[in-house]
Amino acid sequence: MSQIAWRQDSVAGVPLNRYVGYVGPVEVGSVQYDGSNRFWVWASPLQEDAWGYGPTEGAAKTAMELWLRSWLDNFRPFLKPET
């Protein structure tokens, strides 16, 4: 089960093919449909060059979550309590 809460984005009350992912109050990424290329693109504001794509909305969300878990592992040594 995903730890990311996905919310559908909208403009003037019109829902978009774009979802923004949050972990608590922090925005960790977004997934949106690219109609010209017919795939779903994910990106994260946490790292400028973090992005990818998937053939479906679900695949892009899963890829985003896998990237986020991997990226957060880089910080594990800083977050561990010292013994």
PDB file of N, CA and C in Angstrom:
ATOM      1  N   MET A   1       0.832  -1.174   0.000  1.00  0.00           N
ATOM      2  CA  MET A   1       0.000   0.000   0.000  1.00  0.00           C
ATOM      3  C   MET A   1       0.884   1.247   0.000  1.00  0.00           C
ATOM      4  N   SER A   2       0.519   2.200  -0.790  1.00  0.00           N
ATOM      5  CA  SER A   2       1.303   3.413  -0.943  1.00  0.00           C
ATOM      6  C   SER A   2       1.199   4.312   0.288  1.00  0.00           C
ATOM      7  N   GLN A   3       2.315   4.925   0.620  1.00  0.00           N
ATOM      8  CA  GLN A   3       2.341   5.904   1.706  1.00  0.00           C
ATOM      9  C   GLN A   3       2.048   7.296   1.173  1.00  0.00           C
ATOM     10  N   ILE A   4       1.960   7.415  -0.146  1.00  0.00           N
ATOM     11  CA  ILE A   4       1.697   8.696  -0.783  1.00  0.00           C
ATOM     12  C   ILE A   4       0.189   8.864  -0.955  1.00  0.00           C
ATOM     13  N   ALA A   5      -0.322  10.006  -0.521  1.00  0.00           N
ATOM     14  CA  ALA A   5      -1.739  10.329  -0.716  1.00  0.00           C
ATOM     15  C   ALA A   5      -1.847  11.141  -2.006  1.00  0.00           C
ATOM     16  N   TRP A   6      -2.546  10.599  -2.989  1.00  0.00           N
ATOM     17  CA  TRP A   6      -2.680  11.264  -4.288  1.00  0.00           C
ATOM     18  C   TRP A   6      -3.980  12.047  -4.341  1.00  0.00           C
ATOM     19  N   ARG A   7      -3.878  13.303  -4.768  1.00  0.00           N
ATOM     20  CA  ARG A   7      -5.061  14.162  -4.918  1.00  0.00           C
ATOM     21  C   ARG A   7      -5.128  14.647  -6.358  1.00  0.00           C
ATOM     22  N   GLN A   8      -6.312  14.519  -6.943  1.00  0.00           N
ATOM     23  CA  GLN A   8      -6.483  14.986  -8.311  1.00  0.00           C
ATOM     24  C   GLN A   8      -6.471  16.511  -8.347  1.00  0.00           C
ATOM     25  N   ASP A   9      -5.682  17.052  -9.263  1.00  0.00           N
ATOM     26  CA  ASP A   9      -5.574  18.494  -9.412  1.00  0.00           C
ATOM     27  C   ASP A   9      -6.744  19.002 -10.251  1.00  0.00           C
ATOM     28  N   SER A  10      -7.067  20.267 -10.092  1.00  0.00           N
ATOM     29  CA  SER A  10      -8.151  20.859 -10.872  1.00  0.00           C
ATOM     30  C   SER A  10      -7.876  22.342 -11.087  1.00  0.00           C
ATOM     31  N   VAL A  11      -8.526  22.885 -12.109  1.00  0.00           N
ATOM     32  CA  VAL A  11      -8.453  24.313 -12.393  1.00  0.00           C
ATOM     33  C   VAL A  11      -9.880  24.804 -12.537  1.00  0.00           C
ATOM     34  N   ALA A  12     -10.230  25.807 -11.751  1.00  0.00           N
ATOM     35  CA  ALA A  12     -11.578  26.384 -11.764  1.00  0.00           C
ATOM     36  C   ALA A  12     -12.645  25.301 -11.583  1.00  0.00           C
ATOM     37  N   GLY A  13     -12.339  24.324 -10.733  1.00  0.00           N
ATOM     38  CA  GLY A  13     -13.293  23.260 -10.457  1.00  0.00           C
ATOM     39  C   GLY A  13     -13.342  22.160 -11.497  1.00  0.00           C
ATOM     40  N   VAL A  14     -12.541  22.255 -12.554  1.00  0.00           N
ATOM     41  CA  VAL A  14     -12.505  21.226 -13.602  1.00  0.00           C
ATOM     42  C   VAL A  14     -11.357  20.271 -13.301  1.00  0.00           C
ATOM     43  N   PRO A  15     -11.651  18.973 -13.094  1.00  0.00           N
ATOM     44  CA  PRO A  15     -10.590  18.024 -12.781  1.00  0.00           C
ATOM     45  C   PRO A  15      -9.648  17.828 -13.976  1.00  0.00           C
ATOM     46  N   LEU A  16      -8.367  17.711 -13.664  1.00  0.00           N
ATOM     47  CA  LEU A  16      -7.339  17.511 -14.682  1.00  0.00           C
ATOM     48  C   LEU A  16      -6.810  16.087 -14.632  1.00  0.00           C
ATOM     49  N   ASN A  17      -6.129  15.672 -15.684  1.00  0.00           N
ATOM     50  CA  ASN A  17      -5.424  14.394 -15.689  1.00  0.00           C
ATOM     51  C   ASN A  17      -4.054  14.609 -15.047  1.00  0.00           C
ATOM     52  N   ARG A  18      -4.081  15.113 -13.822  1.00  0.00           N
ATOM     53  CA  ARG A  18      -2.874  15.393 -13.056  1.00  0.00           C
ATOM     54  C   ARG A  18      -3.173  15.106 -11.592  1.00  0.00           C
ATOM     55  N   TYR A  19      -2.267  14.407 -10.976  1.00  0.00           N
ATOM     56  CA  TYR A  19      -2.402  14.057  -9.567  1.00  0.00           C
ATOM     57  C   TYR A  19      -1.160  14.533  -8.825  1.00  0.00           C
ATOM     58  N   VAL A  20      -1.373  15.096  -7.641  1.00  0.00           N
ATOM     59  CA  VAL A  20      -0.272  15.568  -6.810  1.00  0.00           C
ATOM     60  C   VAL A  20      -0.191  14.644  -5.600  1.00  0.00           C
ATOM     61  N   GLY A  21       1.029  14.180  -5.315  1.00  0.00           N
ATOM     62  CA  GLY A  21       1.239  13.250  -4.215  1.00  0.00           C
ATOM     63  C   GLY A  21       1.814  13.932  -2.994  1.00  0.00           C
ATOM     64  N   TYR A  22       1.259  13.595  -1.834  1.00  0.00           N
ATOM     65  CA  TYR A  22       1.694  14.172  -0.562  1.00  0.00           C
ATOM     66  C   TYR A  22       2.033  13.061   0.417  1.00  0.00           C
ATOM     67  N   VAL A  23       3.043  13.324   1.229  1.00  0.00           N
ATOM     68  CA  VAL A  23       3.312  12.512   2.411  1.00  0.00           C
ATOM     69  C   VAL A  23       3.143  13.480   3.566  1.00  0.00           C
ATOM     70  N   GLY A  24       2.046  13.332   4.267  1.00  0.00           N
ATOM     71  CA  GLY A  24       1.678  14.331   5.269  1.00  0.00           C
ATOM     72  C   GLY A  24       1.410  15.640   4.542  1.00  0.00           C
ATOM     73  N   PRO A  25       1.956  16.760   5.024  1.00  0.00           N
ATOM     74  CA  PRO A  25       1.721  18.051   4.358  1.00  0.00           C
ATOM     75  C   PRO A  25       2.731  18.352   3.242  1.00  0.00           C
ATOM     76  N   VAL A  26       3.690  17.455   3.022  1.00  0.00           N
ATOM     77  CA  VAL A  26       4.775  17.716   2.070  1.00  0.00           C
ATOM     78  C   VAL A  26       4.435  17.164   0.685  1.00  0.00           C
ATOM     79  N   GLU A  27       4.491  18.034  -0.332  1.00  0.00           N
ATOM     80  CA  GLU A  27       4.300  17.588  -1.711  1.00  0.00           C
ATOM     81  C   GLU A  27       5.569  16.871  -2.157  1.00  0.00           C
ATOM     82  N   VAL A  28       5.421  15.595  -2.553  1.00  0.00           N
ATOM     83  CA  VAL A  28       6.592  14.802  -2.936  1.00  0.00           C
ATOM     84  C   VAL A  28       6.655  14.525  -4.429  1.00  0.00           C
ATOM     85  N   GLY A  29       5.557  14.725  -5.155  1.00  0.00           N
ATOM     86  CA  GLY A  29       5.601  14.465  -6.586  1.00  0.00           C
ATOM     87  C   GLY A  29       4.274  14.693  -7.260  1.00  0.00           C
ATOM     88  N   SER A  30       4.312  14.537  -8.567  1.00  0.00           N
ATOM     89  CA  SER A  30       3.089  14.659  -9.356  1.00  0.00           C
ATOM     90  C   SER A  30       3.144  13.674 -10.516  1.00  0.00           C
ATOM     91  N   VAL A  31       1.969  13.322 -10.994  1.00  0.00           N
ATOM     92  CA  VAL A  31       1.815  12.433 -12.147  1.00  0.00           C
ATOM     93  C   VAL A  31       0.798  13.100 -13.056  1.00  0.00           C
ATOM     94  N   GLN A  32       1.157  13.258 -14.338  1.00  0.00           N
ATOM     95  CA  GLN A  32       0.209  13.877 -15.268  1.00  0.00           C
ATOM     96  C   GLN A  32       0.285  13.208 -16.625  1.00  0.00           C
ATOM     97  N   TYR A  33      -0.835  13.248 -17.320  1.00  0.00           N
ATOM     98  CA  TYR A  33      -0.937  12.612 -18.627  1.00  0.00           C
ATOM     99  C   TYR A  33      -0.380  13.520 -19.713  1.00  0.00           C
ATOM    100  N   ASP A  34       0.485  12.974 -20.540  1.00  0.00           N
ATOM    101  CA  ASP A  34       1.029  13.684 -21.701  1.00  0.00           C
ATOM    102  C   ASP A  34       0.289  13.156 -22.922  1.00  0.00           C
ATOM    103  N   GLY A  35      -0.718  13.909 -23.353  1.00  0.00           N
ATOM    104  CA  GLY A  35      -1.574  13.474 -24.450  1.00  0.00           C
ATOM    105  C   GLY A  35      -0.875  13.362 -25.787  1.00  0.00           C
ATOM    106  N   SER A  36       0.128  14.190 -26.042  1.00  0.00           N
ATOM    107  CA  SER A  36       0.801  14.133 -27.337  1.00  0.00           C
ATOM    108  C   SER A  36       1.651  12.871 -27.479  1.00  0.00           C
ATOM    109  N   ASN A  37       2.191  12.383 -26.367  1.00  0.00           N
ATOM    110  CA  ASN A  37       3.003  11.164 -26.411  1.00  0.00           C
ATOM    111  C   ASN A  37       2.269   9.943 -25.858  1.00  0.00           C
ATOM    112  N   ARG A  38       1.105  10.167 -25.285  1.00  0.00           N
ATOM    113  CA  ARG A  38       0.241   9.130 -24.736  1.00  0.00           C
ATOM    114  C   ARG A  38       0.905   8.274 -23.665  1.00  0.00           C
ATOM    115  N   PHE A  39       1.528   8.962 -22.697  1.00  0.00           N
ATOM    116  CA  PHE A  39       2.006   8.276 -21.509  1.00  0.00           C
ATOM    117  C   PHE A  39       1.906   9.211 -20.313  1.00  0.00           C
ATOM    118  N   TRP A  40       2.090   8.646 -19.142  1.00  0.00           N
ATOM    119  CA  TRP A  40       1.982   9.394 -17.881  1.00  0.00           C
ATOM    120  C   TRP A  40       3.379   9.743 -17.398  1.00  0.00           C
ATOM    121  N   VAL A  41       3.600  11.018 -17.092  1.00  0.00           N
ATOM    122  CA  VAL A  41       4.901  11.515 -16.644  1.00  0.00           C
ATOM    123  C   VAL A  41       4.843  11.782 -15.140  1.00  0.00           C
ATOM    124  N   TRP A  42       5.861  11.322 -14.426  1.00  0.00           N
ATOM    125  CA  TRP A  42       5.953  11.649 -13.008  1.00  0.00           C
ATOM    126  C   TRP A  42       7.166  12.556 -12.805  1.00  0.00           C
ATOM    127  N   ALA A  43       7.094  13.388 -11.796  1.00  0.00           N
ATOM    128  CA  ALA A  43       8.200  14.281 -11.443  1.00  0.00           C
ATOM    129  C   ALA A  43       8.120  14.590  -9.955  1.00  0.00           C
ATOM    130  N   SER A  44       9.255  15.013  -9.406  1.00  0.00           N
ATOM    131  CA  SER A  44       9.288  15.358  -7.987  1.00  0.00           C
ATOM    132  C   SER A  44       9.910  16.731  -7.793  1.00  0.00           C
ATOM    133  N   PRO A  45       9.310  17.557  -6.930  1.00  0.00           N
ATOM    134  CA  PRO A  45       9.919  18.849  -6.617  1.00  0.00           C
ATOM    135  C   PRO A  45      11.102  18.708  -5.652  1.00  0.00           C
ATOM    136  N   LEU A  46      11.334  17.497  -5.142  1.00  0.00           N
ATOM    137  CA  LEU A  46      12.410  17.289  -4.174  1.00  0.00           C
ATOM    138  C   LEU A  46      13.786  17.250  -4.832  1.00  0.00           C
ATOM    139  N   GLN A  47      13.806  16.918  -6.112  1.00  0.00           N
ATOM    140  CA  GLN A  47      15.061  16.897  -6.858  1.00  0.00           C
ATOM    141  C   GLN A  47      14.765  17.351  -8.280  1.00  0.00           C
ATOM    142  N   GLU A  48      15.509  18.327  -8.738  1.00  0.00           N
ATOM    143  CA  GLU A  48      15.220  18.987 -10.005  1.00  0.00           C
ATOM    144  C   GLU A  48      15.145  18.033 -11.201  1.00  0.00           C
ATOM    145  N   ASP A  49      16.039  17.066 -11.287  1.00  0.00           N
ATOM    146  CA  ASP A  49      16.084  16.192 -12.457  1.00  0.00           C
ATOM    147  C   ASP A  49      15.419  14.835 -12.222  1.00  0.00           C
ATOM    148  N   ALA A  50      14.551  14.743 -11.228  1.00  0.00           N
ATOM    149  CA  ALA A  50      13.855  13.485 -10.951  1.00  0.00           C
ATOM    150  C   ALA A  50      12.546  13.449 -11.716  1.00  0.00           C
ATOM    151  N   TRP A  51      12.475  12.586 -12.713  1.00  0.00           N
ATOM    152  CA  TRP A  51      11.255  12.423 -13.494  1.00  0.00           C
ATOM    153  C   TRP A  51      11.334  11.088 -14.232  1.00  0.00           C
ATOM    154  N   GLY A  52      10.223  10.648 -14.724  1.00  0.00           N
ATOM    155  CA  GLY A  52      10.147   9.424 -15.498  1.00  0.00           C
ATOM    156  C   GLY A  52       8.761   9.313 -16.102  1.00  0.00           C
ATOM    157  N   TYR A  53       8.455   8.164 -16.633  1.00  0.00           N
ATOM    158  CA  TYR A  53       7.141   7.994 -17.243  1.00  0.00           C
ATOM    159  C   TYR A  53       6.702   6.543 -17.162  1.00  0.00           C
ATOM    160  N   GLY A  54       5.418   6.334 -17.398  1.00  0.00           N
ATOM    161  CA  GLY A  54       4.830   5.007 -17.405  1.00  0.00           C
ATOM    162  C   GLY A  54       3.687   4.951 -18.400  1.00  0.00           C
ATOM    163  N   PRO A  55       3.330   3.752 -18.839  1.00  0.00           N
ATOM    164  CA  PRO A  55       2.256   3.613 -19.817  1.00  0.00           C
ATOM    165  C   PRO A  55       0.866   3.868 -19.242  1.00  0.00           C
ATOM    166  N   THR A  56       0.746   3.789 -17.914  1.00  0.00           N
ATOM    167  CA  THR A  56      -0.543   4.017 -17.260  1.00  0.00           C
ATOM    168  C   THR A  56      -0.346   4.927 -16.052  1.00  0.00           C
ATOM    169  N   GLU A  57      -1.442   5.454 -15.555  1.00  0.00           N
ATOM    170  CA  GLU A  57      -1.399   6.284 -14.349  1.00  0.00           C
ATOM    171  C   GLU A  57      -0.804   5.506 -13.181  1.00  0.00           C
ATOM    172  N   GLY A  58      -1.267   4.283 -13.001  1.00  0.00           N
ATOM    173  CA  GLY A  58      -0.780   3.455 -11.896  1.00  0.00           C
ATOM    174  C   GLY A  58       0.701   3.148 -11.993  1.00  0.00           C
ATOM    175  N   ALA A  59       1.173   2.883 -13.207  1.00  0.00           N
ATOM    176  CA  ALA A  59       2.595   2.589 -13.405  1.00  0.00           C
ATOM    177  C   ALA A  59       3.449   3.801 -13.073  1.00  0.00           C
ATOM    178  N   ALA A  60       3.000   4.981 -13.460  1.00  0.00           N
ATOM    179  CA  ALA A  60       3.754   6.200 -13.170  1.00  0.00           C
ATOM    180  C   ALA A  60       3.761   6.485 -11.672  1.00  0.00           C
ATOM    181  N   LYS A  61       2.649   6.267 -10.996  1.00  0.00           N
ATOM    182  CA  LYS A  61       2.592   6.474  -9.543  1.00  0.00           C
ATOM    183  C   LYS A  61       3.521   5.496  -8.831  1.00  0.00           C
ATOM    184  N   THR A  62       3.542   4.247  -9.286  1.00  0.00           N
ATOM    185  CA  THR A  62       4.427   3.244  -8.691  1.00  0.00           C
ATOM    186  C   THR A  62       5.885   3.618  -8.913  1.00  0.00           C
ATOM    187  N   ALA A  63       6.226   4.061 -10.111  1.00  0.00           N
ATOM    188  CA  ALA A  63       7.600   4.478 -10.406  1.00  0.00           C
ATOM    189  C   ALA A  63       8.007   5.664  -9.533  1.00  0.00           C
ATOM    190  N   MET A  64       7.095   6.592  -9.346  1.00  0.00           N
ATOM    191  CA  MET A  64       7.370   7.755  -8.496  1.00  0.00           C
ATOM    192  C   MET A  64       7.658   7.306  -7.069  1.00  0.00           C
ATOM    193  N   GLU A  65       6.843   6.388  -6.559  1.00  0.00           N
ATOM    194  CA  GLU A  65       7.036   5.897  -5.194  1.00  0.00           C
ATOM    195  C   GLU A  65       8.355   5.135  -5.061  1.00  0.00           C
ATOM    196  N   LEU A  66       8.700   4.312  -6.051  1.00  0.00           N
ATOM    197  CA  LEU A  66       9.973   3.581  -6.000  1.00  0.00           C
ATOM    198  C   LEU A  66      11.157   4.533  -6.008  1.00  0.00           C
ATOM    199  N   TRP A  67      11.077   5.577  -6.830  1.00  0.00           N
ATOM    200  CA  TRP A  67      12.155   6.560  -6.847  1.00  0.00           C
ATOM    201  C   TRP A  67      12.265   7.243  -5.479  1.00  0.00           C
ATOM    202  N   LEU A  68      11.123   7.642  -4.907  1.00  0.00           N
ATOM    203  CA  LEU A  68      11.125   8.345  -3.630  1.00  0.00           C
ATOM    204  C   LEU A  68      11.743   7.485  -2.530  1.00  0.00           C
ATOM    205  N   ARG A  69      11.369   6.216  -2.481  1.00  0.00           N
ATOM    206  CA  ARG A  69      11.952   5.324  -1.463  1.00  0.00           C
ATOM    207  C   ARG A  69      13.466   5.226  -1.621  1.00  0.00           C
ATOM    208  N   SER A  70      13.919   5.075  -2.852  1.00  0.00           N
ATOM    209  CA  SER A  70      15.346   4.985  -3.129  1.00  0.00           C
ATOM    210  C   SER A  70      16.057   6.281  -2.753  1.00  0.00           C
ATOM    211  N   TRP A  71      15.471   7.403  -3.099  1.00  0.00           N
ATOM    212  CA  TRP A  71      16.070   8.710  -2.799  1.00  0.00           C
ATOM    213  C   TRP A  71      16.162   8.928  -1.294  1.00  0.00           C
ATOM    214  N   LEU A  72      15.102   8.567  -0.569  1.00  0.00           N
ATOM    215  CA  LEU A  72      15.101   8.748   0.885  1.00  0.00           C
ATOM    216  C   LEU A  72      16.122   7.860   1.578  1.00  0.00           C
ATOM    217  N   ASP A  73      16.451   6.702   0.987  1.00  0.00           N
ATOM    218  CA  ASP A  73      17.468   5.821   1.571  1.00  0.00           C
ATOM    219  C   ASP A  73      18.823   6.521   1.682  1.00  0.00           C
ATOM    220  N   ASN A  74      19.081   7.477   0.813  1.00  0.00           N
ATOM    221  CA  ASN A  74      20.338   8.230   0.883  1.00  0.00           C
ATOM    222  C   ASN A  74      20.469   8.989   2.192  1.00  0.00           C
ATOM    223  N   PHE A  75      19.354   9.300   2.826  1.00  0.00           N
ATOM    224  CA  PHE A  75      19.360  10.096   4.053  1.00  0.00           C
ATOM    225  C   PHE A  75      19.262   9.244   5.316  1.00  0.00           C
ATOM    226  N   ARG A  76      19.151   7.950   5.162  1.00  0.00           N
ATOM    227  CA  ARG A  76      18.992   7.056   6.314  1.00  0.00           C
ATOM    228  C   ARG A  76      20.086   7.250   7.369  1.00  0.00           C
ATOM    229  N   PRO A  77      21.364   7.348   6.998  1.00  0.00           N
ATOM    230  CA  PRO A  77      22.400   7.524   8.018  1.00  0.00           C
ATOM    231  C   PRO A  77      22.233   8.797   8.852  1.00  0.00           C
ATOM    232  N   PHE A  78      21.666   9.831   8.265  1.00  0.00           N
ATOM    233  CA  PHE A  78      21.462  11.081   8.989  1.00  0.00           C
ATOM    234  C   PHE A  78      20.249  11.015   9.938  1.00  0.00           C
ATOM    235  N   LEU A  79      19.342  10.111   9.653  1.00  0.00           N
ATOM    236  CA  LEU A  79      18.098  10.036  10.428  1.00  0.00           C
ATOM    237  C   LEU A  79      18.150   8.996  11.529  1.00  0.00           C
ATOM    238  N   LYS A  80      19.154   8.109  11.506  1.00  0.00           N
ATOM    239  CA  LYS A  80      19.261   7.083  12.535  1.00  0.00           C
ATOM    240  C   LYS A  80      19.722   7.706  13.841  1.00  0.00           C
ATOM    241  N   PRO A  81      19.079   7.312  14.931  1.00  0.00           N
ATOM    242  CA  PRO A  81      19.554   7.813  16.234  1.00  0.00           C
ATOM    243  C   PRO A  81      20.912   7.175  16.552  1.00  0.00           C
ATOM    244  N   GLU A  82      21.778   7.956  17.146  1.00  0.00           N
ATOM    245  CA  GLU A  82      23.097   7.439  17.504  1.00  0.00           C
ATOM    246  C   GLU A  82      22.964   6.555  18.735  1.00  0.00           C
ATOM    247  N   THR A  83      23.750   5.483  18.739  1.00  0.00           N
ATOM    248  CA  THR A  83      23.695   4.549  19.882  1.00  0.00           C
ATOM    249  C   THR A  83      24.947   4.608  20.697  1.00  0.00           C
TER     250      THR A  83
END
